[in-house]
Amino acid sequence: MIKVGIVEDNKTLREGFETLLNRTPGFQCVCTCATVAEALKKIPKALPDVVLMDIQLPDATGVECTAKIKEQMPGIQIVIVTVYEDSERIFQALRAGACGYLPVKHRAPQPSLKAIPTASRLGHAKPPQSLTRFYCYNSIHIFCYAA
């Protein structure tokens, strides 16, 4: 069973992800959060394996939240889930410790579930600080690391 936390300010999306996860065998949503403050309080107690993180939140960014969570709990994998395909924002999230990025808010959510077990198993193959560049082209994600 993969335990998942959700950090999403849009109530409809947050509840939709929660329902989808809890109705899918092999997944359990262990916490939902609408703000960074809420996430920093609830995630350490819930101990999810993977966190689905919105990049833009009302009280701070998902990038800042990712960095704080990874500081406290380096073993938790964070996947950025967003409508933005802004390479710079995504690059910053990956450097902060996110292990992946899913531009899924404008797509059907079911395919995004396939990324959760991968994130749970693999995490970062290299330290996030060694990420030097990130490109997104036609939903193909290219990661460049320092040697």
N, C-alpha and C. Protein backbone atom coordinates (compact mmCIF):
# COMPACT_ATOMS: atom_id res chain seq x y z
N MET A 1 0.85 -1.18 0.00
CA MET A 1 0.00 0.00 0.00
C MET A 1 0.90 1.24 0.00
N ILE A 2 0.70 2.11 -0.97
CA ILE A 2 1.46 3.36 -1.04
C ILE A 2 0.64 4.46 -0.39
N LYS A 3 1.23 5.08 0.63
CA LYS A 3 0.55 6.16 1.34
C LYS A 3 0.88 7.48 0.65
N VAL A 4 -0.17 8.26 0.35
CA VAL A 4 -0.01 9.49 -0.42
C VAL A 4 -0.59 10.67 0.34
N GLY A 5 0.14 11.78 0.32
CA GLY A 5 -0.35 13.05 0.85
C GLY A 5 -0.62 13.98 -0.31
N ILE A 6 -1.56 14.87 -0.15
CA ILE A 6 -1.93 15.82 -1.21
C ILE A 6 -1.82 17.23 -0.65
N VAL A 7 -1.11 18.09 -1.37
CA VAL A 7 -1.02 19.51 -1.02
C VAL A 7 -1.54 20.28 -2.23
N GLU A 8 -2.77 20.75 -2.12
CA GLU A 8 -3.48 21.39 -3.24
C GLU A 8 -4.49 22.37 -2.67
N ASP A 9 -4.44 23.63 -3.11
CA ASP A 9 -5.36 24.63 -2.57
C ASP A 9 -6.75 24.59 -3.20
N ASN A 10 -6.86 24.02 -4.39
CA ASN A 10 -8.16 23.93 -5.06
C ASN A 10 -8.93 22.75 -4.44
N LYS A 11 -10.01 23.08 -3.72
CA LYS A 11 -10.76 22.06 -2.98
C LYS A 11 -11.29 20.95 -3.89
N THR A 12 -11.79 21.30 -5.05
CA THR A 12 -12.33 20.31 -5.99
C THR A 12 -11.25 19.33 -6.43
N LEU A 13 -10.08 19.85 -6.80
CA LEU A 13 -8.98 18.97 -7.22
C LEU A 13 -8.48 18.13 -6.06
N ARG A 14 -8.33 18.75 -4.90
CA ARG A 14 -7.84 18.03 -3.71
C ARG A 14 -8.75 16.86 -3.37
N GLU A 15 -10.05 17.13 -3.33
CA GLU A 15 -11.01 16.07 -3.00
C GLU A 15 -11.10 15.03 -4.11
N GLY A 16 -10.95 15.47 -5.35
CA GLY A 16 -10.97 14.53 -6.48
C GLY A 16 -9.79 13.57 -6.43
N PHE A 17 -8.58 14.11 -6.18
CA PHE A 17 -7.39 13.25 -6.04
C PHE A 17 -7.56 12.30 -4.86
N GLU A 18 -8.08 12.80 -3.75
CA GLU A 18 -8.27 11.97 -2.56
C GLU A 18 -9.23 10.81 -2.86
N THR A 19 -10.35 11.10 -3.48
CA THR A 19 -11.33 10.07 -3.82
C THR A 19 -10.73 9.04 -4.77
N LEU A 20 -10.04 9.53 -5.80
CA LEU A 20 -9.43 8.63 -6.78
C LEU A 20 -8.41 7.71 -6.10
N LEU A 21 -7.56 8.27 -5.27
CA LEU A 21 -6.55 7.46 -4.58
C LEU A 21 -7.19 6.41 -3.68
N ASN A 22 -8.17 6.82 -2.90
CA ASN A 22 -8.78 5.89 -1.95
C ASN A 22 -9.64 4.82 -2.62
N ARG A 23 -10.03 5.04 -3.85
CA ARG A 23 -10.81 4.02 -4.59
C ARG A 23 -9.94 3.15 -5.48
N THR A 24 -8.64 3.44 -5.50
CA THR A 24 -7.72 2.67 -6.35
C THR A 24 -6.92 1.71 -5.49
N PRO A 25 -6.99 0.40 -5.79
CA PRO A 25 -6.23 -0.57 -5.00
C PRO A 25 -4.74 -0.23 -4.99
N GLY A 26 -4.13 -0.36 -3.83
CA GLY A 26 -2.70 -0.11 -3.70
C GLY A 26 -2.35 1.30 -3.24
N PHE A 27 -3.36 2.16 -3.12
CA PHE A 27 -3.12 3.54 -2.70
C PHE A 27 -3.99 3.88 -1.49
N GLN A 28 -3.46 4.75 -0.65
CA GLN A 28 -4.23 5.27 0.47
C GLN A 28 -3.84 6.73 0.67
N CYS A 29 -4.79 7.63 0.61
CA CYS A 29 -4.54 9.04 0.90
C CYS A 29 -4.52 9.20 2.41
N VAL A 30 -3.36 9.62 2.95
CA VAL A 30 -3.22 9.71 4.40
C VAL A 30 -3.36 11.14 4.92
N CYS A 31 -3.31 12.13 4.03
CA CYS A 31 -3.57 13.51 4.46
C CYS A 31 -3.79 14.41 3.25
N THR A 32 -4.61 15.42 3.47
CA THR A 32 -4.82 16.44 2.45
C THR A 32 -4.58 17.79 3.11
N CYS A 33 -3.97 18.70 2.34
CA CYS A 33 -3.61 20.01 2.86
C CYS A 33 -3.90 21.07 1.80
N ALA A 34 -4.39 22.22 2.26
CA ALA A 34 -4.71 23.31 1.34
C ALA A 34 -3.64 24.40 1.35
N THR A 35 -2.76 24.38 2.34
CA THR A 35 -1.72 25.42 2.45
C THR A 35 -0.38 24.79 2.84
N VAL A 36 0.66 25.58 2.70
CA VAL A 36 1.99 25.13 3.12
C VAL A 36 2.01 24.93 4.63
N ALA A 37 1.43 25.87 5.37
CA ALA A 37 1.40 25.75 6.84
C ALA A 37 0.73 24.45 7.27
N GLU A 38 -0.37 24.14 6.64
CA GLU A 38 -1.09 22.90 6.96
C GLU A 38 -0.24 21.69 6.60
N ALA A 39 0.42 21.74 5.46
CA ALA A 39 1.27 20.62 5.01
C ALA A 39 2.41 20.37 5.99
N LEU A 40 3.05 21.45 6.44
CA LEU A 40 4.19 21.30 7.36
C LEU A 40 3.77 20.77 8.72
N LYS A 41 2.51 20.91 9.04
CA LYS A 41 1.98 20.40 10.31
C LYS A 41 1.51 18.94 10.15
N LYS A 42 0.80 18.64 9.06
CA LYS A 42 0.17 17.33 8.90
C LYS A 42 1.07 16.24 8.31
N ILE A 43 1.92 16.59 7.36
CA ILE A 43 2.73 15.58 6.66
C ILE A 43 3.68 14.84 7.61
N PRO A 44 4.38 15.52 8.53
CA PRO A 44 5.25 14.76 9.45
C PRO A 44 4.50 13.75 10.31
N LYS A 45 3.24 14.03 10.61
CA LYS A 45 2.44 13.09 11.41
C LYS A 45 1.90 11.95 10.56
N ALA A 46 1.50 12.23 9.33
CA ALA A 46 0.89 11.22 8.45
C ALA A 46 1.93 10.32 7.80
N LEU A 47 3.14 10.81 7.63
CA LEU A 47 4.25 10.07 7.00
C LEU A 47 3.88 9.38 5.67
N PRO A 48 3.46 10.14 4.67
CA PRO A 48 3.18 9.53 3.37
C PRO A 48 4.48 9.08 2.70
N ASP A 49 4.36 8.14 1.78
CA ASP A 49 5.50 7.72 0.97
C ASP A 49 5.76 8.74 -0.13
N VAL A 50 4.66 9.28 -0.67
CA VAL A 50 4.71 10.23 -1.79
C VAL A 50 3.76 11.38 -1.48
N VAL A 51 4.17 12.59 -1.85
CA VAL A 51 3.31 13.76 -1.73
C VAL A 51 3.07 14.32 -3.12
N LEU A 52 1.81 14.54 -3.46
CA LEU A 52 1.45 15.26 -4.69
C LEU A 52 1.35 16.73 -4.31
N MET A 53 2.20 17.55 -4.89
CA MET A 53 2.37 18.94 -4.47
C MET A 53 2.01 19.92 -5.59
N ASP A 54 1.05 20.80 -5.30
CA ASP A 54 0.75 21.91 -6.21
C ASP A 54 1.93 22.88 -6.15
N ILE A 55 2.21 23.55 -7.24
CA ILE A 55 3.36 24.46 -7.27
C ILE A 55 3.00 25.86 -6.78
N GLN A 56 1.73 26.24 -6.87
CA GLN A 56 1.30 27.57 -6.44
C GLN A 56 0.26 27.43 -5.34
N LEU A 57 0.61 27.85 -4.14
CA LEU A 57 -0.27 27.74 -2.98
C LEU A 57 -0.49 29.13 -2.38
N PRO A 58 -1.55 29.32 -1.60
CA PRO A 58 -1.89 30.67 -1.14
C PRO A 58 -0.88 31.31 -0.18
N ASP A 59 -0.21 30.53 0.66
CA ASP A 59 0.67 31.12 1.66
C ASP A 59 2.16 31.02 1.34
N ALA A 60 2.52 30.30 0.31
CA ALA A 60 3.91 30.15 -0.15
C ALA A 60 3.86 29.31 -1.42
N THR A 61 5.01 28.99 -1.98
CA THR A 61 5.02 28.16 -3.19
C THR A 61 5.24 26.70 -2.83
N GLY A 62 4.86 25.84 -3.75
CA GLY A 62 5.13 24.42 -3.60
C GLY A 62 6.62 24.13 -3.58
N VAL A 63 7.40 25.00 -4.22
CA VAL A 63 8.86 24.86 -4.21
C VAL A 63 9.37 25.03 -2.78
N GLU A 64 8.90 26.07 -2.10
CA GLU A 64 9.31 26.31 -0.72
C GLU A 64 8.85 25.18 0.20
N CYS A 65 7.64 24.71 -0.01
CA CYS A 65 7.10 23.61 0.80
C CYS A 65 7.91 22.34 0.56
N THR A 66 8.25 22.07 -0.69
CA THR A 66 9.06 20.90 -1.02
C THR A 66 10.38 20.94 -0.29
N ALA A 67 11.07 22.07 -0.33
CA ALA A 67 12.37 22.21 0.33
C ALA A 67 12.25 21.96 1.84
N LYS A 68 11.22 22.51 2.46
CA LYS A 68 11.04 22.35 3.91
C LYS A 68 10.73 20.90 4.28
N ILE A 69 9.87 20.26 3.48
CA ILE A 69 9.54 18.85 3.76
C ILE A 69 10.77 17.97 3.58
N LYS A 70 11.52 18.18 2.51
CA LYS A 70 12.71 17.36 2.24
C LYS A 70 13.78 17.58 3.31
N GLU A 71 13.85 18.79 3.87
CA GLU A 71 14.78 19.06 4.96
C GLU A 71 14.45 18.21 6.18
N GLN A 72 13.16 18.13 6.51
CA GLN A 72 12.71 17.40 7.69
C GLN A 72 12.63 15.90 7.45
N MET A 73 12.20 15.51 6.24
CA MET A 73 11.94 14.10 5.93
C MET A 73 12.48 13.76 4.54
N PRO A 74 13.78 13.57 4.42
CA PRO A 74 14.39 13.36 3.10
C PRO A 74 13.89 12.12 2.37
N GLY A 75 13.32 11.15 3.07
CA GLY A 75 12.85 9.93 2.43
C GLY A 75 11.51 10.05 1.74
N ILE A 76 10.76 11.11 2.02
CA ILE A 76 9.46 11.30 1.36
C ILE A 76 9.69 11.81 -0.05
N GLN A 77 9.04 11.19 -1.01
CA GLN A 77 9.16 11.62 -2.41
C GLN A 77 8.05 12.60 -2.74
N ILE A 78 8.39 13.66 -3.45
CA ILE A 78 7.43 14.70 -3.79
C ILE A 78 7.33 14.82 -5.30
N VAL A 79 6.09 14.77 -5.78
CA VAL A 79 5.81 14.92 -7.21
C VAL A 79 5.03 16.21 -7.38
N ILE A 80 5.54 17.10 -8.21
CA ILE A 80 4.86 18.36 -8.49
C ILE A 80 3.72 18.09 -9.47
N VAL A 81 2.53 18.55 -9.12
CA VAL A 81 1.34 18.38 -9.96
C VAL A 81 0.81 19.78 -10.24
N THR A 82 0.77 20.16 -11.52
CA THR A 82 0.44 21.56 -11.82
C THR A 82 -0.09 21.75 -13.24
N VAL A 83 -0.72 22.89 -13.45
CA VAL A 83 -1.15 23.27 -14.80
C VAL A 83 -0.03 24.00 -15.51
N TYR A 84 0.94 24.51 -14.76
CA TYR A 84 2.03 25.28 -15.36
C TYR A 84 3.01 24.37 -16.07
N GLU A 85 3.47 24.80 -17.21
CA GLU A 85 4.55 24.09 -17.90
C GLU A 85 5.74 25.03 -18.02
N ASP A 86 5.90 25.87 -17.00
CA ASP A 86 6.98 26.83 -16.91
C ASP A 86 8.23 26.09 -16.45
N SER A 87 9.17 25.90 -17.35
CA SER A 87 10.37 25.12 -17.04
C SER A 87 11.13 25.67 -15.84
N GLU A 88 11.17 26.97 -15.66
CA GLU A 88 11.91 27.55 -14.54
C GLU A 88 11.29 27.17 -13.19
N ARG A 89 9.97 27.24 -13.09
CA ARG A 89 9.30 26.85 -11.83
C ARG A 89 9.54 25.37 -11.54
N ILE A 90 9.42 24.57 -12.54
CA ILE A 90 9.59 23.12 -12.37
C ILE A 90 11.04 22.80 -12.01
N PHE A 91 11.96 23.47 -12.68
CA PHE A 91 13.38 23.32 -12.40
C PHE A 91 13.67 23.63 -10.93
N GLN A 92 13.10 24.72 -10.42
CA GLN A 92 13.31 25.11 -9.03
C GLN A 92 12.74 24.05 -8.07
N ALA A 93 11.58 23.49 -8.41
CA ALA A 93 10.98 22.45 -7.58
C ALA A 93 11.85 21.19 -7.55
N LEU A 94 12.39 20.82 -8.68
CA LEU A 94 13.26 19.65 -8.74
C LEU A 94 14.54 19.90 -7.95
N ARG A 95 15.08 21.09 -8.05
CA ARG A 95 16.28 21.43 -7.27
C ARG A 95 15.98 21.46 -5.77
N ALA A 96 14.75 21.77 -5.42
CA ALA A 96 14.35 21.78 -4.01
C ALA A 96 14.17 20.37 -3.45
N GLY A 97 14.12 19.37 -4.33
CA GLY A 97 14.02 17.99 -3.87
C GLY A 97 12.88 17.18 -4.44
N ALA A 98 12.02 17.79 -5.26
CA ALA A 98 10.96 17.01 -5.90
C ALA A 98 11.59 15.96 -6.81
N CYS A 99 10.97 14.78 -6.88
CA CYS A 99 11.54 13.71 -7.71
C CYS A 99 10.89 13.64 -9.08
N GLY A 100 9.86 14.45 -9.30
CA GLY A 100 9.20 14.41 -10.60
C GLY A 100 8.18 15.51 -10.75
N TYR A 101 7.63 15.57 -11.94
CA TYR A 101 6.70 16.63 -12.30
C TYR A 101 5.64 16.03 -13.22
N LEU A 102 4.39 16.32 -12.92
CA LEU A 102 3.28 15.84 -13.73
C LEU A 102 2.40 17.01 -14.16
N PRO A 103 2.35 17.31 -15.45
CA PRO A 103 1.45 18.37 -15.92
C PRO A 103 0.06 17.78 -16.14
N VAL A 104 -0.58 17.37 -15.04
CA VAL A 104 -1.80 16.57 -15.18
C VAL A 104 -3.11 17.27 -14.87
N LYS A 105 -3.07 18.46 -14.33
CA LYS A 105 -4.33 19.07 -13.92
C LYS A 105 -5.28 19.28 -15.09
N HIS A 106 -4.75 19.41 -16.29
CA HIS A 106 -5.61 19.61 -17.45
C HIS A 106 -5.84 18.30 -18.22
N ARG A 107 -5.41 17.20 -17.64
CA ARG A 107 -5.59 15.88 -18.25
C ARG A 107 -6.40 14.99 -17.30
N ALA A 108 -6.79 13.84 -17.79
CA ALA A 108 -7.50 12.88 -16.92
C ALA A 108 -6.55 12.44 -15.82
N PRO A 109 -7.00 12.33 -14.56
CA PRO A 109 -6.10 12.00 -13.45
C PRO A 109 -5.60 10.57 -13.43
N GLN A 110 -6.30 9.63 -14.02
CA GLN A 110 -5.91 8.22 -13.94
C GLN A 110 -4.47 7.96 -14.37
N PRO A 111 -3.98 8.51 -15.51
CA PRO A 111 -2.59 8.23 -15.87
C PRO A 111 -1.58 8.73 -14.84
N SER A 112 -1.94 9.79 -14.10
CA SER A 112 -1.00 10.32 -13.11
C SER A 112 -0.75 9.34 -11.98
N LEU A 113 -1.70 8.45 -11.71
CA LEU A 113 -1.51 7.45 -10.66
C LEU A 113 -0.34 6.53 -10.98
N LYS A 114 -0.05 6.32 -12.24
CA LYS A 114 1.06 5.45 -12.62
C LYS A 114 2.40 6.01 -12.18
N ALA A 115 2.49 7.33 -12.01
CA ALA A 115 3.75 7.94 -11.59
C ALA A 115 4.02 7.75 -10.10
N ILE A 116 3.00 7.51 -9.31
CA ILE A 116 3.17 7.43 -7.86
C ILE A 116 4.02 6.23 -7.43
N PRO A 117 3.76 5.02 -7.94
CA PRO A 117 4.63 3.90 -7.55
C PRO A 117 6.08 4.11 -7.99
N THR A 118 6.27 4.73 -9.15
CA THR A 118 7.63 5.01 -9.62
C THR A 118 8.32 5.97 -8.67
N ALA A 119 7.63 7.02 -8.27
CA ALA A 119 8.22 7.98 -7.32
C ALA A 119 8.51 7.30 -5.99
N SER A 120 7.61 6.45 -5.56
CA SER A 120 7.77 5.75 -4.29
C SER A 120 9.01 4.86 -4.31
N ARG A 121 9.25 4.18 -5.43
CA ARG A 121 10.38 3.25 -5.54
C ARG A 121 11.70 3.95 -5.84
N LEU A 122 11.68 4.92 -6.74
CA LEU A 122 12.93 5.44 -7.27
C LEU A 122 13.44 6.70 -6.61
N GLY A 123 12.57 7.65 -6.39
CA GLY A 123 13.06 8.93 -5.87
C GLY A 123 14.03 9.56 -6.84
N HIS A 124 14.94 10.36 -6.33
CA HIS A 124 15.95 11.01 -7.17
C HIS A 124 17.07 10.03 -7.45
N ALA A 125 17.43 9.86 -8.70
CA ALA A 125 18.57 9.02 -9.05
C ALA A 125 19.87 9.75 -8.69
N LYS A 126 19.84 11.09 -8.73
CA LYS A 126 21.00 11.91 -8.40
C LYS A 126 20.57 12.98 -7.42
N PRO A 127 21.49 13.55 -6.67
CA PRO A 127 21.11 14.62 -5.74
C PRO A 127 20.49 15.79 -6.49
N PRO A 128 19.43 16.41 -5.96
CA PRO A 128 18.77 17.49 -6.67
C PRO A 128 19.69 18.68 -6.91
N GLN A 129 20.69 18.89 -6.07
CA GLN A 129 21.59 20.01 -6.26
C GLN A 129 22.44 19.87 -7.53
N SER A 130 22.59 18.64 -8.03
CA SER A 130 23.40 18.44 -9.23
C SER A 130 22.59 18.66 -10.51
N LEU A 131 21.30 18.95 -10.38
CA LEU A 131 20.47 19.25 -11.54
C LEU A 131 20.85 20.64 -12.04
N THR A 132 21.31 20.72 -13.28
CA THR A 132 21.76 22.01 -13.83
C THR A 132 20.79 22.62 -14.81
N ARG A 133 19.96 21.81 -15.43
CA ARG A 133 19.01 22.34 -16.39
C ARG A 133 17.87 21.35 -16.57
N PHE A 134 16.71 21.88 -16.91
CA PHE A 134 15.52 21.07 -17.11
C PHE A 134 14.78 21.62 -18.32
N TYR A 135 14.34 20.76 -19.21
CA TYR A 135 13.58 21.17 -20.37
C TYR A 135 12.28 20.39 -20.45
N CYS A 136 11.24 21.03 -20.90
CA CYS A 136 9.98 20.36 -21.16
C CYS A 136 9.59 20.68 -22.60
N TYR A 137 9.48 19.66 -23.43
CA TYR A 137 9.13 19.86 -24.82
C TYR A 137 8.11 18.80 -25.21
N ASN A 138 6.89 19.24 -25.55
CA ASN A 138 5.83 18.30 -25.92
C ASN A 138 5.67 17.18 -24.89
N SER A 139 5.65 17.57 -23.61
CA SER A 139 5.48 16.64 -22.49
C SER A 139 6.63 15.65 -22.34
N ILE A 140 7.76 15.92 -23.00
CA ILE A 140 8.97 15.10 -22.80
C ILE A 140 9.86 15.89 -21.85
N HIS A 141 10.24 15.27 -20.75
CA HIS A 141 11.02 15.95 -19.73
C HIS A 141 12.46 15.54 -19.82
N ILE A 142 13.36 16.52 -19.97
CA ILE A 142 14.79 16.26 -20.13
C ILE A 142 15.50 16.87 -18.93
N PHE A 143 16.24 16.06 -18.20
CA PHE A 143 16.95 16.50 -17.01
C PHE A 143 18.44 16.48 -17.29
N CYS A 144 19.15 17.56 -16.99
CA CYS A 144 20.59 17.66 -17.20
C CYS A 144 21.28 17.80 -15.84
N TYR A 145 22.21 16.92 -15.56
CA TYR A 145 22.90 16.92 -14.27
C TYR A 145 24.38 17.28 -14.47
N ALA A 146 24.96 17.87 -13.45
CA ALA A 146 26.39 18.16 -13.46
C ALA A 146 27.15 16.83 -13.37
N ALA A 147 28.29 16.81 -13.99
CA ALA A 147 29.09 15.58 -13.98
C ALA A 147 29.74 15.34 -12.64
